[in-house]
Every structure is written in structure tokens, then in C-alpha cells.
Amino acid sequence: MPGLKDVKDKIAGVKKTSQITKAMNMVASAKLRGAQDKMESFRPYAEKFAEAMGQLSGGTEAENLPLMEVRDPKKVEIIVVTSDRGLCGSFNAHIVTTAEQLQKKYETEGKQVSFVTVGKKASRAFRKTGKLRASYNDIMGTFQMFNAREISQDVSQNFIDGNSDQVDLVYGKFHSIAVQKPTREELLPIKPLASEDTAAPAAQSITGAYIYEPEPAEIMEVLLPLYLNVQVYHSMLEVGASEHAARMTAMDNATNACKDIIHDLTQLYNKARQSAITAELMDIVGGAEALK
């Protein structure tokens, strides 16, 4: 059985760790509120943008727009968005695993795969593969729309130059504080988005045709790059909120684990102290009997 001093030192160390994890939980909770508000405020804008794209792209000829050019995907680029910091459980590991599974699937089909990473965790995970084309680190804590614009411009120019035939986006989507799931979306080529269900009865839906000035093709030339910016920025907002939620959950679990360890160590300390007291009493009784 360990000595009393050793057990007492362990209890003191675990208590300090518990204080740290509790403080990190509170910090993550405070940051989550701001990140979640920003993400939820941006979601309606992204949905309306997608709706407008759906109306415009329906009658647009993709051959005249480079970003909508559909090719035989022999080269696939995967954008992986993770956080810069750790201590958020398995959140980043799930995103990296999803990207790796996607890589194996494409390589099994005989396609060439390259990566563009956003966040330190993704960069460290794919650096050793030799397939990392570009990485954007130290931006997930304070990213802005211009960061998403830089990434989307780099990826779209690489697509237009013919160095990639398809671009996928892998990131962690925020569902709730307890649930954040890796999500994969096809970013390029931009395909005509499905509009609302036209099979609904006329009595339940109102349809109408819009007249655009200038022509939809001219508007699409301007909107397509903006649409990419919105998609990338939206994924970064989702990861930002998911990171804080996952860290808050991880630190809460760590604090509870510290409490369990302290409880077990306290029991061990009491047993060791009782054993020491019993040994001393036995020595005293033995000495008294010897004096008789």
C-alpha cells in the first residue's frame, strides 16, 4: 500500500488539475455563445444565397462558366477544416478520419488526391502524406471573410488551371452542444442547385418566373466566386462553434473524472491512514504486554 504522503500529494495534484479543467470549461462555454450566435446569424444568409443560386443556375449553360465545368474526376482535392487547438476530445480526429476514408475511396478508384488544410490539426495530420498542397494555420481563432476568400480563390484557380477536377470540403458540422458530426460537401464543380419541389399541388405552392437584368449567365460569373466564399466561410463558422462545444464537453468530462479519482484516492488515503494507526496501536499494545 502506498504511503500517506504519496497519496496526499496525488490528491493535491488531481485537485489542481480539476481546477484547470473547470476553468477551461467556463472559458469554452463563454466562447461558444459568441461563436454559436455568429454561426446561427450566418446560416439564413447562406440558405438565401443557395436559394438564389438555385433559381439562377437552373437555366444557365455550365459550359460558359469555368467553375461549373464537369470533367472526368481524375484529380480530386480535399479541403479539410479543423481547429488550431486541441483539448476538444475526438472532434478533430473524427474530421481527419473522414478525410482519410475519403482519400482511400478515391485512390481505390484510381484518382489522384491532394489536400488543402485549414487549421493546425489537419495540417499536422496530412503533412507526412506528401499530398498537402496548401495549409492555412493560426487563423481559426480570429478568422474573417477575407480568410475564406483567400482559400476559395486559391482552390478555384487551381481548379480552373486543370490541376484538380473535383474539390470536396470536409468539416465538423454543429448540430448541438453534445453533437458535432464530420460532413462532406462537393465544392467544385458547382452544379445547378435543386430548386424547391415543383411536384407540389398548385393549391399548396405559388410559382413564378423572375426576370433578371443583366442575363443570368453574367450574374453567375459574379456570384459563383462569392458562393465559394460563403461555403468556405460557413464551414469555418461551423468548425469554430463545434470546437468550443467539443472542448466544453471534454473539459466537463475531465472534471468529473478528476472527482472520481479524488474519491478513489481519498478512500485509499483513509485505508492507508487506518492501516498506519492500526500498526501503531499494535506496537503500543505489544510494548505494554512486553513490560508486563
Protein backbone atom coordinates (compact mmCIF):
# COMPACT_ATOMS: atom_id res chain seq x y z
CA MET A 1 0.00 0.00 0.00
CA PRO A 2 1.42 3.45 -0.90
CA GLY A 3 2.49 5.83 1.83
CA LEU A 4 0.25 8.55 3.22
CA LYS A 5 2.40 11.36 1.81
CA ASP A 6 2.34 9.89 -1.71
CA VAL A 7 -1.45 9.55 -1.73
CA LYS A 8 -1.88 13.04 -0.27
CA ASP A 9 0.37 14.52 -2.98
CA LYS A 10 -1.65 12.72 -5.67
CA ILE A 11 -4.91 14.09 -4.27
CA ALA A 12 -3.49 17.63 -4.27
CA GLY A 13 -2.28 17.22 -7.87
CA VAL A 14 -5.63 15.93 -9.13
CA LYS A 15 -7.45 18.78 -7.36
CA LYS A 16 -5.27 21.32 -9.19
CA THR A 17 -5.96 19.55 -12.48
CA SER A 18 -9.69 19.67 -11.70
CA GLN A 19 -9.47 23.43 -11.13
CA ILE A 20 -7.77 23.88 -14.51
CA THR A 21 -10.32 21.75 -16.41
CA LYS A 22 -13.20 23.56 -14.71
CA ALA A 23 -11.75 26.94 -15.70
CA MET A 24 -11.23 25.75 -19.30
CA ASN A 25 -14.85 24.55 -19.35
CA MET A 26 -16.05 28.01 -18.33
CA VAL A 27 -13.85 29.72 -20.94
CA ALA A 28 -15.08 27.38 -23.68
CA SER A 29 -18.68 27.99 -22.62
CA ALA A 30 -18.22 31.76 -22.87
CA LYS A 31 -16.57 31.50 -26.29
CA LEU A 32 -19.24 29.08 -27.52
CA ARG A 33 -22.00 31.64 -27.00
CA GLY A 34 -20.33 34.14 -29.31
CA ALA A 35 -19.34 31.55 -31.93
CA GLN A 36 -22.81 29.97 -31.92
CA ASP A 37 -24.53 33.35 -32.32
CA LYS A 38 -22.29 34.21 -35.26
CA MET A 39 -22.88 30.82 -36.90
CA GLU A 40 -26.67 30.92 -36.44
CA SER A 41 -26.79 34.51 -37.74
CA PHE A 42 -24.91 33.47 -40.89
CA ARG A 43 -27.00 30.36 -41.65
CA PRO A 44 -30.05 32.27 -43.04
CA TYR A 45 -27.73 34.27 -45.32
CA ALA A 46 -26.11 31.08 -46.61
CA GLU A 47 -29.51 29.47 -47.19
CA LYS A 48 -30.85 32.51 -49.06
CA PHE A 49 -27.68 32.63 -51.15
CA ALA A 50 -28.15 28.96 -52.03
CA GLU A 51 -31.79 29.63 -52.92
CA ALA A 52 -30.79 32.46 -55.25
CA MET A 53 -28.14 30.26 -56.85
CA GLY A 54 -30.77 27.56 -57.36
CA GLN A 55 -33.02 29.96 -59.25
CA LEU A 56 -30.20 31.32 -61.39
CA SER A 57 -28.32 28.11 -62.18
CA GLY A 58 -31.39 26.24 -63.42
CA GLY A 59 -31.32 27.77 -66.89
CA THR A 60 -27.61 28.57 -67.15
CA GLU A 61 -25.30 26.73 -69.54
CA ALA A 62 -22.42 25.34 -67.48
CA GLU A 63 -20.07 25.24 -70.49
CA ASN A 64 -19.69 29.03 -70.38
CA LEU A 65 -18.69 29.09 -66.70
CA PRO A 66 -15.31 27.51 -65.75
CA LEU A 67 -16.33 26.82 -62.14
CA MET A 68 -19.33 24.77 -63.34
CA GLU A 69 -17.38 22.69 -65.83
CA VAL A 70 -17.96 18.99 -65.13
CA ARG A 71 -14.98 16.77 -66.01
CA ASP A 72 -13.92 13.20 -65.50
CA PRO A 73 -12.56 13.48 -61.93
CA LYS A 74 -9.05 12.06 -62.20
CA LYS A 75 -7.60 14.57 -59.71
CA VAL A 76 -9.50 15.31 -56.51
CA GLU A 77 -8.63 17.97 -53.96
CA ILE A 78 -9.98 17.76 -50.42
CA ILE A 79 -10.27 20.84 -48.19
CA VAL A 80 -10.10 19.73 -44.54
CA VAL A 81 -11.21 22.26 -41.90
CA THR A 82 -10.27 21.61 -38.26
CA SER A 83 -9.36 23.74 -35.26
CA ASP A 84 -5.91 25.10 -34.46
CA ARG A 85 -6.03 23.97 -30.82
CA GLY A 86 -6.64 20.62 -29.20
CA LEU A 87 -8.16 19.52 -25.88
CA CYS A 88 -11.56 19.15 -27.54
CA GLY A 89 -11.97 15.40 -27.35
CA SER A 90 -12.14 13.41 -30.57
CA PHE A 91 -13.66 16.27 -32.61
CA ASN A 92 -10.63 16.87 -34.85
CA ALA A 93 -9.79 13.15 -35.03
CA HIS A 94 -13.22 12.38 -36.50
CA ILE A 95 -12.78 15.03 -39.20
CA VAL A 96 -9.31 13.73 -40.10
CA THR A 97 -10.60 10.14 -40.16
CA THR A 98 -13.44 11.13 -42.50
CA ALA A 99 -10.96 12.81 -44.86
CA GLU A 100 -8.65 9.78 -44.76
CA GLN A 101 -11.52 7.44 -45.58
CA LEU A 102 -12.46 9.70 -48.49
CA GLN A 103 -8.84 9.65 -49.66
CA LYS A 104 -8.73 5.82 -49.60
CA LYS A 105 -12.02 5.65 -51.51
CA TYR A 106 -10.75 7.96 -54.28
CA GLU A 107 -7.35 6.26 -54.50
CA THR A 108 -9.06 2.87 -54.76
CA GLU A 109 -10.92 4.29 -57.77
CA GLY A 110 -7.56 5.28 -59.32
CA LYS A 111 -7.87 9.02 -58.63
CA GLN A 112 -5.05 11.33 -57.56
CA VAL A 113 -5.73 13.08 -54.25
CA SER A 114 -4.31 16.29 -52.79
CA PHE A 115 -5.17 18.22 -49.63
CA VAL A 116 -5.71 21.83 -48.62
CA THR A 117 -5.86 22.11 -44.82
CA VAL A 118 -7.37 24.83 -42.67
CA GLY A 119 -6.29 24.58 -39.03
CA LYS A 120 -3.16 23.19 -37.36
CA LYS A 121 -4.66 19.81 -36.52
CA ALA A 122 -5.44 19.00 -40.15
CA SER A 123 -2.04 20.31 -41.27
CA ARG A 124 -0.19 18.07 -38.80
CA ALA A 125 -2.29 15.06 -39.77
CA PHE A 126 -1.67 15.31 -43.53
CA ARG A 127 1.81 16.83 -43.62
CA LYS A 128 3.51 13.43 -43.63
CA THR A 129 1.41 12.10 -46.50
CA GLY A 130 3.25 14.23 -49.07
CA LYS A 131 -0.11 15.18 -50.60
CA LEU A 132 -0.51 18.53 -48.82
CA ARG A 133 -0.71 21.27 -51.46
CA ALA A 134 -1.50 24.23 -49.19
CA SER A 135 -2.16 24.82 -45.49
CA TYR A 136 -3.71 27.73 -43.60
CA ASN A 137 -2.75 27.73 -39.92
CA ASP A 138 -3.32 30.05 -36.97
CA ILE A 139 -6.47 31.60 -38.47
CA MET A 140 -9.28 29.60 -36.85
CA GLY A 141 -9.20 31.67 -33.68
CA THR A 142 -9.76 35.03 -35.40
CA PHE A 143 -10.81 34.21 -38.97
CA GLN A 144 -12.74 36.67 -41.13
CA MET A 145 -14.39 36.56 -44.54
CA PHE A 146 -11.13 37.59 -46.26
CA ASN A 147 -9.53 34.36 -44.98
CA ALA A 148 -12.30 32.32 -46.62
CA ARG A 149 -11.91 34.40 -49.79
CA GLU A 150 -8.18 33.68 -49.94
CA ILE A 151 -8.79 29.94 -49.57
CA SER A 152 -11.61 29.79 -52.12
CA GLN A 153 -9.65 31.85 -54.67
CA ASP A 154 -6.65 29.54 -54.34
CA VAL A 155 -8.78 26.41 -54.74
CA SER A 156 -10.87 27.78 -57.62
CA GLN A 157 -7.78 28.98 -59.53
CA ASN A 158 -6.21 25.54 -59.09
CA PHE A 159 -9.44 24.04 -60.48
CA ILE A 160 -9.55 26.43 -63.45
CA ASP A 161 -5.88 25.67 -64.25
CA GLY A 162 -6.78 21.98 -64.55
CA ASN A 163 -4.74 20.82 -61.55
CA SER A 164 -7.91 19.41 -59.97
CA ASP A 165 -11.13 18.09 -61.47
CA GLN A 166 -13.16 17.97 -58.26
CA VAL A 167 -12.94 19.69 -54.88
CA ASP A 168 -14.54 18.31 -51.71
CA LEU A 169 -14.99 20.12 -48.41
CA VAL A 170 -14.74 18.17 -45.12
CA TYR A 171 -15.53 19.92 -41.83
CA GLY A 172 -17.30 19.40 -38.49
CA LYS A 173 -20.94 20.49 -38.60
CA PHE A 174 -22.52 21.86 -35.42
CA HIS A 175 -25.79 20.08 -34.54
CA SER A 176 -25.92 20.76 -30.81
CA ILE A 177 -23.62 21.26 -27.85
CA ALA A 178 -23.36 17.48 -27.48
CA VAL A 179 -23.30 16.52 -31.19
CA GLN A 180 -20.81 17.66 -33.84
CA LYS A 181 -20.54 15.42 -36.90
CA PRO A 182 -17.98 15.40 -39.76
CA THR A 183 -19.63 16.48 -43.02
CA ARG A 184 -18.50 16.16 -46.62
CA GLU A 185 -19.72 18.50 -49.37
CA GLU A 186 -18.75 18.74 -53.03
CA LEU A 187 -17.49 22.28 -53.57
CA LEU A 188 -16.32 22.18 -57.21
CA PRO A 189 -17.54 21.92 -59.88
CA ILE A 190 -20.55 23.96 -58.81
CA LYS A 191 -23.58 22.06 -60.03
CA PRO A 192 -27.02 23.58 -60.64
CA LEU A 193 -28.73 23.51 -57.28
CA ALA A 194 -32.06 21.78 -56.98
CA SER A 195 -34.86 24.27 -56.56
CA GLU A 196 -37.93 23.69 -54.43
CA ASP A 197 -40.13 20.70 -55.14
CA THR A 198 -42.19 21.50 -58.22
CA ALA A 199 -44.35 18.40 -57.81
CA ALA A 200 -46.41 20.03 -55.05
CA PRO A 201 -50.06 20.74 -55.88
CA ALA A 202 -50.76 24.17 -57.29
CA ALA A 203 -53.11 24.92 -54.40
CA GLN A 204 -50.25 24.46 -51.91
CA SER A 205 -47.49 26.32 -53.71
CA ILE A 206 -47.06 29.54 -55.60
CA THR A 207 -44.65 29.58 -58.50
CA GLY A 208 -43.39 32.43 -60.63
CA ALA A 209 -40.72 33.35 -63.16
CA TYR A 210 -38.14 36.02 -62.41
CA ILE A 211 -36.71 38.39 -65.00
CA TYR A 212 -33.03 39.15 -64.39
CA GLU A 213 -31.05 42.14 -65.61
CA PRO A 214 -28.35 41.57 -66.80
CA GLU A 215 -28.63 37.99 -68.08
CA PRO A 216 -28.34 35.13 -65.54
CA ALA A 217 -25.03 33.99 -67.08
CA GLU A 218 -23.48 37.41 -66.39
CA ILE A 219 -24.80 37.42 -62.85
CA MET A 220 -23.47 33.88 -62.29
CA GLU A 221 -19.96 34.96 -63.26
CA VAL A 222 -20.01 37.31 -60.28
CA LEU A 223 -21.98 35.10 -57.87
CA LEU A 224 -20.04 31.84 -58.32
CA PRO A 225 -16.83 33.10 -56.60
CA LEU A 226 -18.96 34.70 -53.88
CA TYR A 227 -20.81 31.42 -53.43
CA LEU A 228 -17.48 29.65 -52.85
CA ASN A 229 -16.52 32.28 -50.29
CA VAL A 230 -19.81 31.75 -48.46
CA GLN A 231 -19.42 27.96 -48.45
CA VAL A 232 -15.87 28.05 -47.07
CA TYR A 233 -16.68 30.75 -44.51
CA HIS A 234 -19.77 28.84 -43.40
CA SER A 235 -17.71 25.68 -42.84
CA MET A 236 -15.21 27.67 -40.75
CA LEU A 237 -18.03 29.09 -38.63
CA GLU A 238 -19.42 25.59 -38.09
CA VAL A 239 -15.99 24.30 -37.01
CA GLY A 240 -15.44 27.31 -34.74
CA ALA A 241 -18.68 26.69 -32.84
CA SER A 242 -18.18 22.90 -32.83
CA GLU A 243 -14.65 23.26 -31.42
CA HIS A 244 -15.81 25.21 -28.36
CA ALA A 245 -18.77 22.85 -27.79
CA ALA A 246 -16.50 19.80 -28.01
CA ARG A 247 -13.92 21.38 -25.69
CA MET A 248 -16.62 22.30 -23.17
CA THR A 249 -17.89 18.72 -23.16
CA ALA A 250 -14.35 17.29 -22.94
CA MET A 251 -13.40 19.55 -20.02
CA ASP A 252 -16.65 18.72 -18.22
CA ASN A 253 -15.89 15.01 -18.61
CA ALA A 254 -12.33 15.62 -17.41
CA THR A 255 -13.59 17.48 -14.32
CA ASN A 256 -15.97 14.64 -13.48
CA ALA A 257 -13.16 12.13 -13.98
CA CYS A 258 -10.98 14.14 -11.56
CA LYS A 259 -13.76 13.99 -8.98
CA ASP A 260 -13.93 10.21 -9.33
CA ILE A 261 -10.15 9.90 -9.00
CA ILE A 262 -10.15 12.14 -5.90
CA HIS A 263 -12.90 9.97 -4.38
CA ASP A 264 -10.91 6.79 -5.02
CA LEU A 265 -7.66 8.33 -3.75
CA THR A 266 -9.42 9.62 -0.63
CA GLN A 267 -10.64 6.11 0.13
CA LEU A 268 -7.12 4.79 -0.45
CA TYR A 269 -5.72 7.52 1.85
CA ASN A 270 -8.20 6.64 4.59
CA LYS A 271 -7.31 2.95 4.31
CA ALA A 272 -3.59 3.74 4.43
CA ARG A 273 -4.09 6.03 7.46
CA GLN A 274 -6.21 3.42 9.22
CA SER A 275 -3.59 0.79 8.47
CA ALA A 276 -0.87 3.04 9.92
CA ILE A 277 -2.95 3.76 13.03
CA THR A 278 -3.64 0.05 13.49
CA ALA A 279 0.07 -0.74 13.16
CA GLU A 280 0.96 1.91 15.77
CA LEU A 281 -1.69 0.59 18.16
CA MET A 282 -0.36 -2.92 17.73
CA ASP A 283 3.14 -1.68 18.54
CA ILE A 284 1.87 0.10 21.67
CA VAL A 285 -0.12 -2.92 22.83
CA GLY A 286 2.80 -5.22 22.09
CA GLY A 287 5.16 -2.96 24.06
CA ALA A 288 2.76 -2.77 27.02
CA GLU A 289 2.41 -6.55 27.07
CA ALA A 290 6.20 -6.94 26.96
CA LEU A 291 6.61 -4.64 30.00
CA LYS A 292 4.24 -6.83 32.00
